[in-house]
């Protein structure tokens, strides 16, 4: 990853009793029992990759394919999530932490 801040796009939706967060650029996904927990676990998964990659001096997303096409299509039609700034801030890292754009399909969190 370069020193410039990148943007990662993720879809957050509900499937039965689970909330799922799926990154598009890299096939990283998490699930949790609540919206807040899914967002937290998703950012935790990203942060873990960034911290380990910084320690090893490697690309945190090397070898990860993109998410399946169905998630990209859902993202295109999804609405942006309005989230509190600073509630889930990533700590300072040797490299720029990515900006996260979350969207949800209409009615997908009900």
Protein backbone atom coordinates (compact mmCIF):
# COMPACT_ATOMS: atom_id res chain seq x y z
CA UNK A 1 0.00 0.00 0.00
CA UNK A 2 1.28 3.44 -0.78
CA UNK A 3 1.46 6.39 1.59
CA UNK A 4 -1.60 7.97 -0.09
CA UNK A 5 -4.89 7.16 1.57
CA UNK A 6 -6.96 4.66 -0.35
CA UNK A 7 -10.66 3.99 -0.13
CA UNK A 8 -12.08 0.55 0.52
CA UNK A 9 -15.71 -0.10 -0.26
CA UNK A 10 -17.81 -2.45 1.82
CA UNK A 11 -21.36 -3.69 1.85
CA UNK A 12 -23.12 -4.17 5.19
CA UNK A 13 -26.31 -6.21 5.15
CA UNK A 14 -28.42 -8.56 7.22
CA UNK A 15 -29.00 -12.21 6.38
CA UNK A 16 -31.39 -13.85 8.82
CA UNK A 17 -30.01 -13.19 12.33
CA UNK A 18 -26.53 -12.20 11.09
CA UNK A 19 -25.11 -8.87 9.97
CA UNK A 20 -22.43 -9.27 7.33
CA UNK A 21 -19.76 -6.80 6.19
CA UNK A 22 -18.10 -7.63 2.87
CA UNK A 23 -15.18 -5.67 1.42
CA UNK A 24 -15.24 -5.36 -2.38
CA UNK A 25 -11.62 -4.69 -3.34
CA UNK A 26 -10.39 -7.62 -1.24
CA UNK A 27 -12.48 -10.67 -0.34
CA UNK A 28 -12.62 -9.97 3.40
CA UNK A 29 -15.89 -10.53 5.22
CA UNK A 30 -17.10 -10.80 8.79
CA UNK A 31 -20.40 -11.57 10.45
CA UNK A 32 -21.84 -10.63 13.81
CA UNK A 33 -25.16 -10.57 15.65
CA UNK A 34 -25.56 -6.77 15.54
CA UNK A 35 -24.86 -3.93 13.13
CA UNK A 36 -22.36 -2.28 15.48
CA UNK A 37 -20.55 -5.55 16.10
CA UNK A 38 -20.31 -6.30 12.37
CA UNK A 39 -18.81 -2.89 11.71
CA UNK A 40 -16.42 -3.24 14.65
CA UNK A 41 -15.30 -6.74 13.61
CA UNK A 42 -14.83 -5.62 10.00
CA UNK A 43 -12.61 -2.72 10.99
CA UNK A 44 -10.80 -5.01 13.43
CA UNK A 45 -10.09 -7.49 10.61
CA UNK A 46 -8.74 -4.70 8.41
CA UNK A 47 -6.68 -3.24 11.23
CA UNK A 48 -5.16 -6.63 12.02
CA UNK A 49 -4.02 -7.03 8.43
CA UNK A 50 -2.58 -3.50 8.38
CA UNK A 51 -0.66 -3.88 11.65
CA UNK A 52 0.86 -7.24 10.73
CA UNK A 53 1.77 -6.00 7.24
CA UNK A 54 3.42 -2.89 8.72
CA UNK A 55 5.51 -5.08 11.05
CA UNK A 56 6.52 -7.42 8.21
CA UNK A 57 6.93 -4.69 5.59
CA UNK A 58 4.54 -6.28 3.13
CA UNK A 59 1.27 -5.57 1.33
CA UNK A 60 -1.64 -6.23 3.72
CA UNK A 61 -3.88 -7.45 0.92
CA UNK A 62 -1.42 -9.49 -1.17
CA UNK A 63 -3.00 -12.59 -2.63
CA UNK A 64 -6.58 -11.66 -1.77
CA UNK A 65 -8.98 -11.72 -4.71
CA UNK A 66 -11.79 -9.22 -5.17
CA UNK A 67 -15.19 -10.01 -3.70
CA UNK A 68 -17.60 -11.96 -5.89
CA UNK A 69 -19.39 -9.91 -8.55
CA UNK A 70 -22.80 -10.17 -6.83
CA UNK A 71 -21.51 -7.94 -3.99
CA UNK A 72 -20.25 -5.31 -6.45
CA UNK A 73 -23.71 -5.23 -8.07
CA UNK A 74 -25.42 -4.89 -4.70
CA UNK A 75 -23.02 -2.09 -3.74
CA UNK A 76 -23.86 -0.10 -6.90
CA UNK A 77 -27.55 -0.04 -5.91
CA UNK A 78 -26.99 0.40 -2.19
CA UNK A 79 -27.39 3.54 -0.10
CA UNK A 80 -24.44 5.09 1.76
CA UNK A 81 -24.51 4.60 5.52
CA UNK A 82 -24.41 7.77 7.58
CA UNK A 83 -22.12 6.90 10.48
CA UNK A 84 -20.74 8.89 13.37
CA UNK A 85 -17.26 10.17 12.60
CA UNK A 86 -14.61 9.19 15.10
CA UNK A 87 -16.65 6.45 16.74
CA UNK A 88 -14.59 3.78 15.01
CA UNK A 89 -11.27 5.44 14.33
CA UNK A 90 -8.24 3.40 13.39
CA UNK A 91 -5.07 4.08 15.36
CA UNK A 92 -2.10 5.79 13.75
CA UNK A 93 -0.16 3.36 11.59
CA UNK A 94 3.18 3.61 9.75
CA UNK A 95 1.14 3.54 6.54
CA UNK A 96 -2.05 5.42 5.74
CA UNK A 97 -5.13 3.59 6.98
CA UNK A 98 -7.75 3.27 4.24
CA UNK A 99 -10.89 5.36 4.24
CA UNK A 100 -13.91 3.07 4.49
CA UNK A 101 -17.07 3.67 2.48
CA UNK A 102 -19.93 1.53 3.76
CA UNK A 103 -23.22 1.03 1.94
CA UNK A 104 -26.26 -1.08 2.58
CA UNK A 105 -28.93 -2.39 0.22
CA UNK A 106 -32.25 -0.64 0.85
CA UNK A 107 -34.11 -2.50 3.60
CA UNK A 108 -31.20 -4.85 4.21
CA UNK A 109 -30.74 -3.95 7.90
CA UNK A 110 -34.37 -4.38 8.91
